[in-house]
Amino acid sequence: MQYGYFDEVNREYVITEPRTPVKWINYIGSRQFGGFVDHTGGALICKDDPTFNRITKYIQQMPSSDFKGETLYLRLHDQNGFRIFSPYFVPTLNPLDLFECHVGLGYSRIIS
């Protein structure tokens, strides 16, 4: 497969290429409070039903390089000024030495 493989032993899909045509999302939480986490590290927080009660905006049909929601990044100061670092592919779109997103039933584990 072009973007990853299915791990039969752990019953999860492992994404090895973050530049997928669309985002892979996983719902984490309960029906009272939870949210989506996508393979790029983006998140959406929901109260009750995520279809109607989104607290933050999330469009899962957007390409994985375009994120309209929340993500984590650090602004680091070095000798040349500042640079942005993120353990996720978005928002920096920097090439990563290693990328794996393990998507299982009720969890997403991102290794980068």
Protein backbone atom coordinates (compact mmCIF):
# COMPACT_ATOMS: atom_id res chain seq x y z
CA MET A 1 0.00 0.00 0.00
CA GLN A 2 1.13 3.52 -0.74
CA TYR A 3 0.36 5.21 2.61
CA GLY A 4 0.85 2.45 5.15
CA TYR A 5 -0.21 -1.07 6.09
CA PHE A 6 -2.64 -3.00 8.27
CA ASP A 7 -1.05 -4.60 11.33
CA GLU A 8 -2.97 -7.87 11.83
CA VAL A 9 -1.44 -8.60 15.27
CA ASN A 10 -2.39 -5.26 16.84
CA ARG A 11 -5.54 -4.81 14.72
CA GLU A 12 -4.62 -1.30 13.65
CA TYR A 13 -3.76 0.59 10.50
CA VAL A 14 -0.27 2.12 10.49
CA ILE A 15 0.10 5.23 8.33
CA THR A 16 3.73 5.69 7.26
CA GLU A 17 3.27 8.56 4.78
CA PRO A 18 1.63 11.72 6.24
CA ARG A 19 0.75 13.13 2.78
CA THR A 20 -2.47 11.15 2.36
CA PRO A 21 -5.19 12.37 -0.05
CA VAL A 22 -7.59 12.92 2.88
CA LYS A 23 -7.12 12.84 6.63
CA TRP A 24 -7.50 9.68 8.69
CA ILE A 25 -9.53 10.48 11.80
CA ASN A 26 -10.35 8.60 14.95
CA TYR A 27 -13.06 9.55 17.47
CA ILE A 28 -11.73 9.52 21.02
CA GLY A 29 -13.94 10.03 24.06
CA SER A 30 -17.50 9.33 25.09
CA ARG A 31 -20.90 10.48 23.79
CA GLN A 32 -20.88 13.24 26.44
CA PHE A 33 -17.48 14.76 25.59
CA GLY A 34 -14.73 13.85 23.18
CA GLY A 35 -13.36 14.67 19.81
CA PHE A 36 -11.54 13.72 16.66
CA VAL A 37 -7.80 13.32 16.28
CA ASP A 38 -6.39 13.06 12.78
CA HIS A 39 -3.13 11.51 11.60
CA THR A 40 -1.49 14.93 11.25
CA GLY A 41 -2.04 15.80 14.93
CA GLY A 42 -5.09 17.98 14.35
CA ALA A 43 -7.95 17.87 16.81
CA LEU A 44 -11.58 18.82 17.21
CA ILE A 45 -13.37 18.99 20.57
CA CYS A 46 -17.05 18.00 20.81
CA LYS A 47 -19.80 18.19 23.39
CA ASP A 48 -22.45 15.47 23.03
CA ASP A 49 -22.95 14.45 19.37
CA PRO A 50 -19.95 15.58 17.25
CA THR A 51 -22.17 16.10 14.22
CA PHE A 52 -24.08 18.97 15.83
CA ASN A 53 -22.06 20.20 18.82
CA ARG A 54 -18.56 20.97 17.59
CA ILE A 55 -16.67 23.38 19.81
CA THR A 56 -13.84 23.88 17.30
CA LYS A 57 -14.02 23.74 13.51
CA TYR A 58 -12.78 20.64 11.69
CA ILE A 59 -13.13 19.70 8.01
CA GLN A 60 -11.99 16.12 7.48
CA GLN A 61 -12.25 16.31 3.67
CA MET A 62 -9.44 18.90 3.49
CA PRO A 63 -6.02 17.64 2.31
CA SER A 64 -3.68 16.57 5.10
CA SER A 65 -1.46 19.59 4.38
CA ASP A 66 -4.33 22.03 5.03
CA PHE A 67 -5.62 22.12 8.58
CA LYS A 68 -8.42 24.29 9.93
CA GLY A 69 -8.46 23.51 13.64
CA GLU A 70 -6.03 23.03 16.50
CA THR A 71 -2.54 21.58 16.43
CA LEU A 72 0.61 21.62 18.54
CA TYR A 73 3.86 23.36 17.66
CA LEU A 74 6.84 24.97 19.38
CA ARG A 75 8.58 28.20 18.44
CA LEU A 76 12.30 27.64 19.06
CA HIS A 77 15.00 30.30 19.25
CA ASP A 78 18.40 29.41 17.74
CA GLN A 79 21.43 31.29 16.35
CA ASN A 80 19.64 32.10 13.07
CA GLY A 81 16.49 33.47 14.70
CA PHE A 82 13.34 31.45 15.23
CA ARG A 83 12.06 28.21 13.76
CA ILE A 84 8.84 26.28 14.18
CA PHE A 85 8.94 22.66 15.32
CA SER A 86 6.07 20.21 15.56
CA PRO A 87 6.13 16.48 16.28
CA TYR A 88 3.26 16.26 13.77
CA PHE A 89 3.35 16.79 10.02
CA VAL A 90 1.06 19.83 10.23
CA PRO A 91 1.57 22.82 10.68
CA THR A 92 5.22 22.85 9.61
CA LEU A 93 5.07 20.31 6.72
CA ASN A 94 8.74 19.58 7.44
CA PRO A 95 10.08 16.20 6.32
CA LEU A 96 10.31 13.82 9.27
CA ASP A 97 12.96 11.16 9.89
CA LEU A 98 10.23 8.75 10.95
CA PHE A 99 6.44 8.98 10.81
CA GLU A 100 3.96 6.38 12.00
CA CYS A 101 0.36 6.93 12.99
CA HIS A 102 -1.18 3.81 14.54
CA VAL A 103 -4.97 4.03 14.25
CA GLY A 104 -6.80 1.46 16.34
CA LEU A 105 -10.22 1.10 17.93
CA GLY A 106 -10.53 4.19 20.13
CA TYR A 107 -6.92 5.38 19.97
CA SER A 108 -4.39 7.07 17.70
CA ARG A 109 -0.69 6.83 18.50
CA ILE A 110 1.64 9.08 16.51
CA ILE A 111 5.38 8.42 16.37
CA SER A 112 7.55 11.00 14.66
